[in-house]
């Protein structure tokens, strides 16, 4: 009986540990991996790209005028948009691409490609898919929205730190917003 009790305790302990890890690495609203999960994956993606001579891509996207959605329809509607956008992103990405909830109305995508153009093409495809999608809000009309994307392709031999890489992508995102939104600004490094 004591052995069975010890086994039950071990199984419960393992399950609790799994739940803590899951809760710490997933965004509660969208179910996507969160920024903490991104940090670990980013390092792994860069190492994989270097080892296999791929281009590593990072895309940051931000919902254009998201505050207006919250102001006009309420925060529950804003939450519905974030959940639905996560679904659109997952449907648009390739198997080797991974999307993360970056924070607020921002999402990050890690991608690998044999050519640098593949990362830019992916970002363009995301912008187009989001702009074409009708977002359904509870108790409100269907709405259209757009996103701005900053995208950078990193050559496998690149030696920038993760922080320097994030800064380059952030600059591209702000450029897309400054240029009028609903677009991709892209850089190859």
C-alpha atoms as a PDB file:
ATOM      1  CA  UNK A   1       0.000   0.000   0.000  1.00  0.00           C
ATOM      2  CA  UNK A   2       2.824   2.366   0.863  1.00  0.00           C
ATOM      3  CA  UNK A   3       4.464   1.739  -2.550  1.00  0.00           C
ATOM      4  CA  UNK A   4       1.205   2.579  -4.311  1.00  0.00           C
ATOM      5  CA  UNK A   5       0.871   5.761  -2.260  1.00  0.00           C
ATOM      6  CA  UNK A   6       4.437   6.770  -3.151  1.00  0.00           C
ATOM      7  CA  UNK A   7       3.699   6.161  -6.834  1.00  0.00           C
ATOM      8  CA  UNK A   8       0.525   8.251  -6.695  1.00  0.00           C
ATOM      9  CA  UNK A   9       2.470  11.086  -5.022  1.00  0.00           C
ATOM     10  CA  UNK A  10       5.201  10.902  -7.672  1.00  0.00           C
ATOM     11  CA  UNK A  11       2.650  11.013 -10.526  1.00  0.00           C
ATOM     12  CA  UNK A  12       0.833  13.952  -8.928  1.00  0.00           C
ATOM     13  CA  UNK A  13       4.118  15.785  -8.353  1.00  0.00           C
ATOM     14  CA  UNK A  14       5.138  15.265 -12.002  1.00  0.00           C
ATOM     15  CA  UNK A  15       1.740  16.497 -13.177  1.00  0.00           C
ATOM     16  CA  UNK A  16       1.961  19.611 -11.007  1.00  0.00           C
ATOM     17  CA  UNK A  17       5.456  20.332 -12.378  1.00  0.00           C
ATOM     18  CA  UNK A  18       4.154  19.973 -15.954  1.00  0.00           C
ATOM     19  CA  UNK A  19       1.307  22.393 -15.213  1.00  0.00           C
ATOM     20  CA  UNK A  20       3.678  24.976 -13.727  1.00  0.00           C
ATOM     21  CA  UNK A  21       5.923  24.790 -16.808  1.00  0.00           C
ATOM     22  CA  UNK A  22       2.914  25.053 -19.117  1.00  0.00           C
ATOM     23  CA  UNK A  23       1.476  28.009 -17.224  1.00  0.00           C
ATOM     24  CA  UNK A  24       4.832  29.779 -17.226  1.00  0.00           C
ATOM     25  CA  UNK A  25       5.371  29.341 -20.959  1.00  0.00           C
ATOM     26  CA  UNK A  26       1.898  29.863 -22.458  1.00  0.00           C
ATOM     27  CA  UNK A  27      -0.161  32.994 -22.879  1.00  0.00           C
ATOM     28  CA  UNK A  28      -3.388  32.501 -20.924  1.00  0.00           C
ATOM     29  CA  UNK A  29      -5.566  34.348 -23.460  1.00  0.00           C
ATOM     30  CA  UNK A  30      -4.429  32.991 -26.831  1.00  0.00           C
ATOM     31  CA  UNK A  31      -2.860  29.709 -25.785  1.00  0.00           C
ATOM     32  CA  UNK A  32       0.249  30.619 -27.771  1.00  0.00           C
ATOM     33  CA  UNK A  33       3.719  30.302 -26.306  1.00  0.00           C
ATOM     34  CA  UNK A  34       4.633  33.519 -24.483  1.00  0.00           C
ATOM     35  CA  UNK A  35       7.704  35.732 -24.437  1.00  0.00           C
ATOM     36  CA  UNK A  36       9.516  33.485 -21.960  1.00  0.00           C
ATOM     37  CA  UNK A  37       9.082  30.557 -24.332  1.00  0.00           C
ATOM     38  CA  UNK A  38      10.247  32.789 -27.189  1.00  0.00           C
ATOM     39  CA  UNK A  39      13.529  33.581 -25.437  1.00  0.00           C
ATOM     40  CA  UNK A  40      14.520  29.915 -25.241  1.00  0.00           C
ATOM     41  CA  UNK A  41      13.292  29.133 -28.756  1.00  0.00           C
ATOM     42  CA  UNK A  42      15.112  32.116 -30.281  1.00  0.00           C
ATOM     43  CA  UNK A  43      18.490  30.852 -29.098  1.00  0.00           C
ATOM     44  CA  UNK A  44      17.691  27.341 -30.354  1.00  0.00           C
ATOM     45  CA  UNK A  45      16.469  28.625 -33.733  1.00  0.00           C
ATOM     46  CA  UNK A  46      19.647  30.652 -34.256  1.00  0.00           C
ATOM     47  CA  UNK A  47      21.809  27.644 -33.372  1.00  0.00           C
ATOM     48  CA  UNK A  48      19.839  25.384 -35.718  1.00  0.00           C
ATOM     49  CA  UNK A  49      20.085  27.927 -38.548  1.00  0.00           C
ATOM     50  CA  UNK A  50      23.827  28.192 -38.131  1.00  0.00           C
ATOM     51  CA  UNK A  51      24.378  24.437 -37.955  1.00  0.00           C
ATOM     52  CA  UNK A  52      22.251  23.747 -41.059  1.00  0.00           C
ATOM     53  CA  UNK A  53      23.063  26.941 -42.996  1.00  0.00           C
ATOM     54  CA  UNK A  54      19.541  28.338 -43.003  1.00  0.00           C
ATOM     55  CA  UNK A  55      18.426  31.925 -42.803  1.00  0.00           C
ATOM     56  CA  UNK A  56      16.848  32.632 -39.431  1.00  0.00           C
ATOM     57  CA  UNK A  57      13.930  35.017 -39.585  1.00  0.00           C
ATOM     58  CA  UNK A  58      12.228  37.101 -36.972  1.00  0.00           C
ATOM     59  CA  UNK A  59       8.976  38.926 -37.583  1.00  0.00           C
ATOM     60  CA  UNK A  60       7.356  41.258 -35.064  1.00  0.00           C
ATOM     61  CA  UNK A  61       3.808  42.300 -35.823  1.00  0.00           C
ATOM     62  CA  UNK A  62       1.558  44.791 -34.156  1.00  0.00           C
ATOM     63  CA  UNK A  63      -2.188  45.263 -34.679  1.00  0.00           C
ATOM     64  CA  UNK A  64      -2.795  48.660 -36.208  1.00  0.00           C
ATOM     65  CA  UNK A  65      -5.045  50.954 -34.140  1.00  0.00           C
ATOM     66  CA  UNK A  66      -5.842  48.220 -31.612  1.00  0.00           C
ATOM     67  CA  UNK A  67      -6.774  50.816 -28.975  1.00  0.00           C
ATOM     68  CA  UNK A  68      -9.683  51.878 -31.189  1.00  0.00           C
ATOM     69  CA  UNK A  69     -11.106  48.337 -31.068  1.00  0.00           C
ATOM     70  CA  UNK A  70     -10.990  48.339 -27.268  1.00  0.00           C
ATOM     71  CA  UNK A  71     -12.427  51.871 -27.113  1.00  0.00           C
ATOM     72  CA  UNK A  72     -15.241  51.239 -29.634  1.00  0.00           C
ATOM     73  CA  UNK A  73     -16.252  47.687 -28.733  1.00  0.00           C
ATOM     74  CA  UNK A  74     -14.787  46.987 -25.280  1.00  0.00           C
ATOM     75  CA  UNK A  75     -11.937  44.915 -23.930  1.00  0.00           C
ATOM     76  CA  UNK A  76     -13.758  41.613 -24.405  1.00  0.00           C
ATOM     77  CA  UNK A  77     -13.940  42.412 -28.109  1.00  0.00           C
ATOM     78  CA  UNK A  78     -10.230  43.223 -28.065  1.00  0.00           C
ATOM     79  CA  UNK A  79      -9.570  39.847 -26.441  1.00  0.00           C
ATOM     80  CA  UNK A  80     -11.667  38.136 -29.135  1.00  0.00           C
ATOM     81  CA  UNK A  81      -9.569  39.851 -31.811  1.00  0.00           C
ATOM     82  CA  UNK A  82      -6.339  38.664 -30.189  1.00  0.00           C
ATOM     83  CA  UNK A  83      -7.620  35.091 -29.992  1.00  0.00           C
ATOM     84  CA  UNK A  84      -8.846  35.161 -33.585  1.00  0.00           C
ATOM     85  CA  UNK A  85      -5.593  36.732 -34.818  1.00  0.00           C
ATOM     86  CA  UNK A  86      -3.640  33.940 -33.142  1.00  0.00           C
ATOM     87  CA  UNK A  87      -5.755  31.450 -35.133  1.00  0.00           C
ATOM     88  CA  UNK A  88      -5.164  33.339 -38.400  1.00  0.00           C
ATOM     89  CA  UNK A  89      -1.422  33.379 -37.743  1.00  0.00           C
ATOM     90  CA  UNK A  90      -1.333  29.657 -36.982  1.00  0.00           C
ATOM     91  CA  UNK A  91      -3.271  28.955 -40.197  1.00  0.00           C
ATOM     92  CA  UNK A  92      -0.869  31.106 -42.234  1.00  0.00           C
ATOM     93  CA  UNK A  93       2.423  29.783 -40.913  1.00  0.00           C
ATOM     94  CA  UNK A  94       4.391  26.880 -42.279  1.00  0.00           C
ATOM     95  CA  UNK A  95       5.216  23.858 -40.139  1.00  0.00           C
ATOM     96  CA  UNK A  96       8.715  25.165 -39.355  1.00  0.00           C
ATOM     97  CA  UNK A  97       7.468  28.615 -38.264  1.00  0.00           C
ATOM     98  CA  UNK A  98       6.479  29.388 -34.672  1.00  0.00           C
ATOM     99  CA  UNK A  99       4.342  32.234 -33.344  1.00  0.00           C
ATOM    100  CA  UNK A 100       4.503  33.737 -29.848  1.00  0.00           C
ATOM    101  CA  UNK A 101       2.382  36.257 -27.987  1.00  0.00           C
ATOM    102  CA  UNK A 102       4.934  39.006 -27.499  1.00  0.00           C
ATOM    103  CA  UNK A 103       2.707  41.166 -25.319  1.00  0.00           C
ATOM    104  CA  UNK A 104      -0.281  43.451 -25.666  1.00  0.00           C
ATOM    105  CA  UNK A 105      -1.253  43.425 -29.328  1.00  0.00           C
ATOM    106  CA  UNK A 106       2.161  42.271 -30.533  1.00  0.00           C
ATOM    107  CA  UNK A 107       3.176  38.841 -31.776  1.00  0.00           C
ATOM    108  CA  UNK A 108       6.577  37.424 -32.715  1.00  0.00           C
ATOM    109  CA  UNK A 109       7.291  34.774 -35.327  1.00  0.00           C
ATOM    110  CA  UNK A 110      10.451  32.711 -35.632  1.00  0.00           C
ATOM    111  CA  UNK A 111      11.061  31.250 -39.058  1.00  0.00           C
ATOM    112  CA  UNK A 112      13.718  29.303 -40.927  1.00  0.00           C
ATOM    113  CA  UNK A 113      14.267  29.351 -44.665  1.00  0.00           C
ATOM    114  CA  UNK A 114      16.848  28.361 -47.234  1.00  0.00           C
ATOM    115  CA  UNK A 115      16.619  31.850 -48.770  1.00  0.00           C
ATOM    116  CA  UNK A 116      16.337  35.251 -47.156  1.00  0.00           C
ATOM    117  CA  UNK A 117      13.362  36.101 -49.375  1.00  0.00           C
ATOM    118  CA  UNK A 118      11.282  33.398 -47.703  1.00  0.00           C
ATOM    119  CA  UNK A 119      11.110  35.408 -44.479  1.00  0.00           C
ATOM    120  CA  UNK A 120       9.971  38.557 -46.257  1.00  0.00           C
ATOM    121  CA  UNK A 121       7.422  36.566 -48.282  1.00  0.00           C
ATOM    122  CA  UNK A 122       6.041  35.060 -45.078  1.00  0.00           C
ATOM    123  CA  UNK A 123       5.641  38.505 -43.496  1.00  0.00           C
ATOM    124  CA  UNK A 124       3.873  39.779 -46.629  1.00  0.00           C
ATOM    125  CA  UNK A 125       1.567  36.750 -46.613  1.00  0.00           C
ATOM    126  CA  UNK A 126       0.690  37.420 -42.961  1.00  0.00           C
ATOM    127  CA  UNK A 127      -0.134  41.079 -43.682  1.00  0.00           C
ATOM    128  CA  UNK A 128      -2.345  40.092 -46.602  1.00  0.00           C
ATOM    129  CA  UNK A 129      -4.170  37.286 -44.754  1.00  0.00           C
ATOM    130  CA  UNK A 130      -4.935  39.508 -41.775  1.00  0.00           C
ATOM    131  CA  UNK A 131      -6.198  42.362 -43.980  1.00  0.00           C
ATOM    132  CA  UNK A 132      -8.476  39.952 -45.876  1.00  0.00           C
ATOM    133  CA  UNK A 133      -9.876  38.295 -42.740  1.00  0.00           C
ATOM    134  CA  UNK A 134     -13.161  39.428 -41.185  1.00  0.00           C
ATOM    135  CA  UNK A 135     -12.870  39.378 -37.398  1.00  0.00           C
ATOM    136  CA  UNK A 136     -16.064  38.409 -35.593  1.00  0.00           C
ATOM    137  CA  UNK A 137     -16.800  40.152 -32.325  1.00  0.00           C
ATOM    138  CA  UNK A 138     -19.493  39.072 -29.921  1.00  0.00           C
ATOM    139  CA  UNK A 139     -22.422  41.467 -30.217  1.00  0.00           C
ATOM    140  CA  UNK A 140     -20.701  43.645 -32.821  1.00  0.00           C
ATOM    141  CA  UNK A 141     -20.370  43.728 -36.593  1.00  0.00           C
ATOM    142  CA  UNK A 142     -17.566  41.946 -38.412  1.00  0.00           C
ATOM    143  CA  UNK A 143     -14.519  44.173 -38.504  1.00  0.00           C
ATOM    144  CA  UNK A 144     -11.443  44.359 -40.664  1.00  0.00           C
ATOM    145  CA  UNK A 145      -8.058  45.168 -39.251  1.00  0.00           C
ATOM    146  CA  UNK A 146      -4.485  45.325 -40.391  1.00  0.00           C
ATOM    147  CA  UNK A 147      -1.077  44.655 -38.932  1.00  0.00           C
ATOM    148  CA  UNK A 148       2.314  46.237 -39.352  1.00  0.00           C
ATOM    149  CA  UNK A 149       5.285  43.888 -39.560  1.00  0.00           C
ATOM    150  CA  UNK A 150       8.975  44.327 -38.992  1.00  0.00           C
ATOM    151  CA  UNK A 151      10.943  41.440 -40.465  1.00  0.00           C
ATOM    152  CA  UNK A 152      14.630  40.590 -40.570  1.00  0.00           C
ATOM    153  CA  UNK A 153      16.472  37.654 -42.125  1.00  0.00           C
ATOM    154  CA  UNK A 154      19.739  36.759 -40.445  1.00  0.00           C
ATOM    155  CA  UNK A 155      22.474  34.942 -42.359  1.00  0.00           C
ATOM    156  CA  UNK A 156      23.655  31.797 -40.595  1.00  0.00           C
ATOM    157  CA  UNK A 157      27.156  33.219 -40.071  1.00  0.00           C
ATOM    158  CA  UNK A 158      25.792  36.369 -38.414  1.00  0.00           C
ATOM    159  CA  UNK A 159      27.249  36.977 -34.927  1.00  0.00           C
ATOM    160  CA  UNK A 160      24.849  39.557 -33.533  1.00  0.00           C
ATOM    161  CA  UNK A 161      23.549  38.987 -30.023  1.00  0.00           C
ATOM    162  CA  UNK A 162      19.860  38.144 -29.584  1.00  0.00           C
ATOM    163  CA  UNK A 163      19.329  41.632 -28.142  1.00  0.00           C
ATOM    164  CA  UNK A 164      20.917  43.268 -31.214  1.00  0.00           C
ATOM    165  CA  UNK A 165      18.754  41.118 -33.484  1.00  0.00           C
ATOM    166  CA  UNK A 166      15.582  42.101 -31.604  1.00  0.00           C
ATOM    167  CA  UNK A 167      16.545  45.744 -31.886  1.00  0.00           C
ATOM    168  CA  UNK A 168      16.920  45.462 -35.682  1.00  0.00           C
ATOM    169  CA  UNK A 169      13.464  43.902 -35.995  1.00  0.00           C
ATOM    170  CA  UNK A 170      11.960  46.499 -33.679  1.00  0.00           C
ATOM    171  CA  UNK A 171      13.368  49.273 -35.881  1.00  0.00           C
ATOM    172  CA  UNK A 172      11.698  47.660 -38.915  1.00  0.00           C
ATOM    173  CA  UNK A 173       8.364  47.420 -37.084  1.00  0.00           C
ATOM    174  CA  UNK A 174       8.438  51.095 -36.136  1.00  0.00           C
ATOM    175  CA  UNK A 175       9.357  51.975 -39.717  1.00  0.00           C
ATOM    176  CA  UNK A 176       6.312  50.051 -41.001  1.00  0.00           C
ATOM    177  CA  UNK A 177       4.106  52.015 -38.606  1.00  0.00           C
ATOM    178  CA  UNK A 178       5.752  55.328 -39.532  1.00  0.00           C
ATOM    179  CA  UNK A 179       5.272  54.558 -43.238  1.00  0.00           C
ATOM    180  CA  UNK A 180       1.495  54.329 -42.820  1.00  0.00           C
ATOM    181  CA  UNK A 181       0.860  50.865 -41.303  1.00  0.00           C
ATOM    182  CA  UNK A 182      -0.554  47.734 -42.963  1.00  0.00           C
ATOM    183  CA  UNK A 183       2.813  46.857 -44.432  1.00  0.00           C
ATOM    184  CA  UNK A 184       6.081  45.030 -43.966  1.00  0.00           C
ATOM    185  CA  UNK A 185       9.437  46.682 -43.525  1.00  0.00           C
ATOM    186  CA  UNK A 186      12.182  44.170 -44.107  1.00  0.00           C
ATOM    187  CA  UNK A 187      15.939  43.961 -43.711  1.00  0.00           C
ATOM    188  CA  UNK A 188      18.457  41.258 -44.607  1.00  0.00           C
ATOM    189  CA  UNK A 189      21.485  41.030 -42.300  1.00  0.00           C
END
